[in-house]
Amino acid sequence: MSQFNPIGRLVIAMGVCLCCALASLHALAASGESDREAWIAQASVGLPPQALDALSQISGADRRLLALRAYLKAGDALAERWTWSQSQQSAYPGTAEGKAALVELDAVAAAFAVANPGFTLQVNRRPRSLEAQITGWNENASVGTAAAACASALERQFDTDRAPPSAAARQRALIDWEANGSATLAAPGLSAHGQAHSFAFQVERGGELIAGTDAASARAQWDEAGWTQKLQAAVKAAGNHFTGPLQSPYEPWHYAYLPAASQAR
């Protein structure tokens, strides 16, 4: 006599099939990940060491592909745009440029406080480190969405049954790919925050965050509440040393800053 009734045997069979299906899916995923890693290895040939090191710290092949695309698109300007080293960042507050930026940030905050009693404007005055940029890139949902779309598009473009494309073809495909939607972060190393050329403002009241830097709530917290216009007014009243806000992706708190020496050139 069988130990299991027909229904029991059916349940066991279904479980075995499910396990086999899951194993197949895992194998396919692993194969796809391996293919994308091969893409990255070939298409990253010629990148400078700092970019290769940053890629090695990014989680997941899809996110690495998307970052690699940004590095390739930067081309010869990559080194010039690259985030400052730790020693450069530490020295920045004591430089003439750093001191000038501090004065101008203070002027914006003062103008904002006068026009909006009870509210204060907060801003991170230090350059954003490469480590912080990598952490944000690894965790940001919009980056994950864009990265998955990029990887899928490349897989469709190059049929695996054909001869493997050259490194130049892979690089060109990455450079030419255009996303339907934008990631809300620059690739690690290429953020303007890394050279103190951009600053993110936040509105607080009594230590409570009123309008922050969450892209999902930008319209509600900033535009609809009027803080977008009030920040713009404070920037203008302080002397218009900042330009913004950033439009793509839309970040009403994000303003670009160019040192006076750069503006004069």
Protein backbone atom coordinates (compact mmCIF):
# COMPACT_ATOMS: atom_id res chain seq x y z
CA MET A 1 0.00 0.00 0.00
CA SER A 2 1.38 3.39 -0.99
CA GLN A 3 2.33 5.73 1.81
CA PHE A 4 0.65 8.67 0.03
CA ASN A 5 -2.81 8.94 -1.52
CA PRO A 6 -3.20 10.22 -5.12
CA ILE A 7 -3.67 13.81 -3.98
CA GLY A 8 -0.54 13.57 -1.87
CA ARG A 9 1.45 12.23 -4.80
CA LEU A 10 0.11 15.08 -6.98
CA VAL A 11 1.17 17.67 -4.41
CA ILE A 12 4.65 16.15 -4.24
CA ALA A 13 4.92 16.07 -8.03
CA MET A 14 3.84 19.70 -8.26
CA GLY A 15 6.43 20.60 -5.64
CA VAL A 16 9.14 18.85 -7.58
CA CYS A 17 8.10 20.65 -10.77
CA LEU A 18 8.09 23.99 -8.96
CA CYS A 19 11.57 23.35 -7.58
CA CYS A 20 12.80 22.43 -11.07
CA ALA A 21 11.24 25.58 -12.53
CA LEU A 22 12.82 27.76 -9.87
CA ALA A 23 16.17 26.09 -10.44
CA SER A 24 15.85 26.79 -14.17
CA LEU A 25 14.99 30.42 -13.51
CA HIS A 26 17.99 30.78 -11.21
CA ALA A 27 20.22 29.21 -13.84
CA LEU A 28 18.91 31.58 -16.52
CA ALA A 29 19.40 34.55 -14.21
CA ALA A 30 22.94 33.44 -13.43
CA SER A 31 23.62 32.99 -17.15
CA GLY A 32 22.27 36.47 -17.91
CA GLU A 33 24.34 37.96 -15.11
CA SER A 34 27.43 36.23 -16.49
CA ASP A 35 26.73 37.55 -20.00
CA ARG A 36 26.37 41.10 -18.69
CA GLU A 37 29.59 40.77 -16.70
CA ALA A 38 31.33 39.78 -19.95
CA TRP A 39 29.84 42.89 -21.56
CA ILE A 40 31.24 45.05 -18.79
CA ALA A 41 34.70 43.49 -18.95
CA GLN A 42 34.96 44.02 -22.69
CA ALA A 43 33.30 47.45 -22.94
CA SER A 44 35.28 48.92 -20.05
CA VAL A 45 38.64 48.40 -21.75
CA GLY A 46 40.53 51.68 -21.77
CA LEU A 47 38.74 53.30 -18.84
CA PRO A 48 40.97 55.02 -16.27
CA PRO A 49 41.72 53.16 -13.01
CA GLN A 50 39.41 55.30 -10.86
CA ALA A 51 36.41 54.41 -13.05
CA LEU A 52 37.29 50.70 -13.03
CA ASP A 53 37.63 50.79 -9.25
CA ALA A 54 34.22 52.47 -8.90
CA LEU A 55 32.64 49.83 -11.16
CA SER A 56 34.05 47.07 -8.95
CA GLN A 57 32.16 48.52 -5.97
CA ILE A 58 28.78 48.75 -7.68
CA SER A 59 26.29 46.00 -6.84
CA GLY A 60 24.82 44.02 -9.73
CA ALA A 61 25.77 43.80 -13.38
CA ASP A 62 22.81 45.93 -14.51
CA ARG A 63 23.83 48.89 -12.34
CA ARG A 64 27.44 48.47 -13.44
CA LEU A 65 26.36 48.58 -17.08
CA LEU A 66 24.44 51.81 -16.52
CA ALA A 67 27.39 53.41 -14.75
CA LEU A 68 29.73 52.20 -17.50
CA ARG A 69 27.49 53.91 -20.05
CA ALA A 70 27.91 57.22 -18.19
CA TYR A 71 31.70 56.80 -18.08
CA LEU A 72 31.86 56.08 -21.80
CA LYS A 73 29.62 59.05 -22.62
CA ALA A 74 31.85 61.33 -20.53
CA GLY A 75 34.76 60.48 -22.83
CA ASP A 76 37.82 62.69 -22.48
CA ALA A 77 36.06 64.82 -19.86
CA LEU A 78 35.86 61.93 -17.39
CA ALA A 79 39.04 62.77 -15.47
CA GLU A 80 38.17 66.47 -15.30
CA ARG A 81 34.68 65.74 -13.94
CA TRP A 82 35.71 62.99 -11.52
CA THR A 83 34.88 63.38 -7.83
CA TRP A 84 37.64 64.90 -5.74
CA SER A 85 39.87 62.66 -3.67
CA GLN A 86 39.46 62.53 0.09
CA SER A 87 42.41 64.88 0.57
CA GLN A 88 40.94 67.39 -1.90
CA GLN A 89 37.58 67.25 -0.15
CA SER A 90 39.17 67.74 3.26
CA ALA A 91 41.14 70.73 2.00
CA TYR A 92 38.18 72.34 0.21
CA PRO A 93 36.66 74.32 3.14
CA GLY A 94 39.99 76.10 3.67
CA THR A 95 40.51 77.06 0.03
CA ALA A 96 39.50 80.42 -1.42
CA GLU A 97 36.84 78.64 -3.47
CA GLY A 98 35.49 76.82 -0.44
CA LYS A 99 35.37 79.98 1.66
CA ALA A 100 33.57 81.86 -1.11
CA ALA A 101 30.99 79.07 -1.46
CA LEU A 102 30.38 79.14 2.31
CA VAL A 103 29.72 82.90 2.22
CA GLU A 104 27.31 82.52 -0.69
CA LEU A 105 25.46 79.58 0.91
CA ASP A 106 25.11 81.62 4.10
CA ALA A 107 23.70 84.50 2.08
CA VAL A 108 21.03 82.26 0.53
CA ALA A 109 20.11 80.82 3.94
CA ALA A 110 19.90 84.31 5.49
CA ALA A 111 17.70 85.65 2.69
CA PHE A 112 15.43 82.61 3.03
CA ALA A 113 15.11 83.00 6.81
CA VAL A 114 14.19 86.69 6.53
CA ALA A 115 11.50 85.96 3.95
CA ASN A 116 10.14 82.88 5.76
CA PRO A 117 10.13 83.45 9.55
CA GLY A 118 10.26 80.24 11.55
CA PHE A 119 11.74 78.22 8.69
CA THR A 120 15.41 77.51 7.99
CA LEU A 121 17.31 76.37 4.93
CA GLN A 122 19.73 73.50 5.44
CA VAL A 123 22.41 72.37 3.00
CA ASN A 124 25.29 69.90 3.07
CA ARG A 125 28.25 72.19 2.49
CA ARG A 126 30.84 69.46 1.96
CA PRO A 127 31.50 67.74 -1.37
CA ARG A 128 29.78 64.37 -1.72
CA SER A 129 32.30 61.56 -1.39
CA LEU A 130 32.66 58.79 -3.95
CA GLU A 131 31.73 56.27 -1.26
CA ALA A 132 28.44 58.09 -0.61
CA GLN A 133 27.73 58.23 -4.34
CA ILE A 134 28.32 54.49 -4.74
CA THR A 135 26.05 53.70 -1.79
CA GLY A 136 23.29 55.85 -3.25
CA TRP A 137 23.70 54.29 -6.70
CA ASN A 138 23.48 50.77 -5.24
CA GLU A 139 20.28 51.56 -3.32
CA ASN A 140 18.36 53.99 -5.55
CA ALA A 141 15.19 52.54 -7.09
CA SER A 142 15.22 54.75 -10.19
CA VAL A 143 18.78 53.61 -10.94
CA GLY A 144 17.67 49.99 -10.66
CA THR A 145 14.79 50.56 -13.08
CA ALA A 146 16.94 52.35 -15.65
CA ALA A 147 19.71 49.76 -15.28
CA ALA A 148 17.34 46.86 -15.94
CA ALA A 149 15.96 48.61 -19.03
CA CYS A 150 19.47 49.24 -20.33
CA ALA A 151 20.52 45.61 -19.85
CA SER A 152 17.36 44.32 -21.55
CA ALA A 153 17.81 46.65 -24.53
CA LEU A 154 21.38 45.50 -25.05
CA GLU A 155 20.39 41.85 -24.88
CA ARG A 156 17.73 42.44 -27.54
CA GLN A 157 20.15 44.34 -29.75
CA PHE A 158 22.77 41.62 -29.87
CA ASP A 159 21.43 38.17 -30.66
CA THR A 160 23.48 35.60 -28.72
CA ASP A 161 23.39 33.27 -31.74
CA ARG A 162 25.45 35.69 -33.79
CA ALA A 163 29.16 36.23 -33.61
CA PRO A 164 30.08 38.11 -30.42
CA PRO A 165 30.20 41.88 -31.03
CA SER A 166 33.48 43.72 -30.73
CA ALA A 167 34.39 45.90 -27.76
CA ALA A 168 33.85 48.98 -29.93
CA ALA A 169 30.37 47.77 -30.90
CA ARG A 170 29.48 47.14 -27.26
CA GLN A 171 30.73 50.58 -26.26
CA ARG A 172 28.80 52.27 -29.07
CA ALA A 173 25.62 50.42 -28.12
CA LEU A 174 25.94 51.61 -24.53
CA ILE A 175 26.62 55.21 -25.56
CA ASP A 176 23.73 55.28 -28.03
CA TRP A 177 21.14 53.74 -25.72
CA GLU A 178 18.58 56.26 -24.49
CA ALA A 179 16.38 55.71 -21.46
CA ASN A 180 12.67 56.49 -21.49
CA GLY A 181 13.00 57.70 -17.92
CA SER A 182 15.98 59.17 -16.11
CA ALA A 183 17.79 57.83 -13.08
CA THR A 184 17.69 60.44 -10.33
CA LEU A 185 21.41 60.08 -9.59
CA ALA A 186 24.55 60.69 -11.61
CA ALA A 187 26.87 57.72 -11.98
CA PRO A 188 29.33 57.42 -9.08
CA GLY A 189 32.27 59.72 -9.65
CA LEU A 190 30.41 62.03 -12.03
CA SER A 191 28.09 63.82 -9.62
CA ALA A 192 28.61 67.59 -9.63
CA HIS A 193 28.27 67.32 -5.84
CA GLY A 194 31.64 65.57 -5.86
CA GLN A 195 33.43 68.81 -6.74
CA ALA A 196 31.10 71.13 -4.78
CA HIS A 197 29.58 72.38 -8.03
CA SER A 198 26.06 71.47 -6.90
CA PHE A 199 24.24 71.81 -3.60
CA ALA A 200 20.99 70.32 -2.30
CA PHE A 201 18.84 72.54 -0.08
CA GLN A 202 16.24 71.37 2.43
CA VAL A 203 13.57 73.30 4.35
CA GLU A 204 13.22 72.73 8.08
CA ARG A 205 11.14 74.15 10.91
CA GLY A 206 12.26 73.58 14.48
CA GLY A 207 14.36 70.59 13.44
CA GLU A 208 11.47 69.03 11.49
CA LEU A 209 12.04 68.32 7.79
CA ILE A 210 9.40 70.15 5.75
CA ALA A 211 10.75 69.76 2.21
CA GLY A 212 13.54 67.25 1.56
CA THR A 213 15.28 65.64 -1.36
CA ASP A 214 12.88 62.79 -2.15
CA ALA A 215 12.18 62.80 -5.88
CA ALA A 216 8.81 61.09 -5.43
CA SER A 217 7.48 63.98 -3.34
CA ALA A 218 9.16 66.85 -5.20
CA ARG A 219 5.94 68.25 -6.66
CA ALA A 220 3.92 67.97 -3.47
CA GLN A 221 6.57 69.10 -0.97
CA TRP A 222 8.11 71.81 -3.10
CA ASP A 223 5.95 73.07 -5.95
CA GLU A 224 2.51 72.76 -4.39
CA ALA A 225 3.72 74.02 -1.00
CA GLY A 226 5.43 77.02 -2.59
CA TRP A 227 8.96 76.21 -1.47
CA THR A 228 10.29 76.01 -5.02
CA GLN A 229 9.45 79.66 -5.63
CA LYS A 230 10.62 80.71 -2.16
CA LEU A 231 14.02 79.06 -2.63
CA GLN A 232 14.36 80.68 -6.04
CA ALA A 233 13.58 84.05 -4.49
CA ALA A 234 16.24 83.54 -1.79
CA VAL A 235 18.85 82.56 -4.39
CA LYS A 236 18.05 85.68 -6.39
CA ALA A 237 18.07 87.94 -3.33
CA ALA A 238 21.48 86.58 -2.30
CA GLY A 239 23.03 87.59 -5.62
CA ASN A 240 22.20 84.78 -8.04
CA HIS A 241 25.47 82.90 -7.59
CA PHE A 242 23.56 79.64 -8.10
CA THR A 243 21.63 78.41 -11.13
CA GLY A 244 18.66 76.08 -11.04
CA PRO A 245 16.73 74.24 -10.06
CA LEU A 246 17.73 71.07 -11.90
CA GLN A 247 15.09 70.18 -14.50
CA SER A 248 16.06 66.67 -15.62
CA PRO A 249 15.52 64.82 -13.44
CA TYR A 250 13.36 67.44 -11.75
CA GLU A 251 14.85 68.40 -8.39
CA PRO A 252 13.61 71.80 -7.09
CA TRP A 253 16.15 71.64 -4.25
CA HIS A 254 19.18 71.12 -6.53
CA TYR A 255 21.19 74.18 -7.58
CA ALA A 256 24.43 74.34 -9.54
CA TYR A 257 27.24 76.52 -8.28
CA LEU A 258 30.23 77.76 -10.23
CA PRO A 259 33.06 79.50 -8.40
CA ALA A 260 33.65 83.14 -9.32
CA ALA A 261 36.91 82.21 -11.06
CA SER A 262 35.04 79.79 -13.33
CA GLN A 263 32.31 82.34 -14.05
CA ALA A 264 34.90 84.89 -15.12
CA ARG A 265 36.42 82.63 -17.80
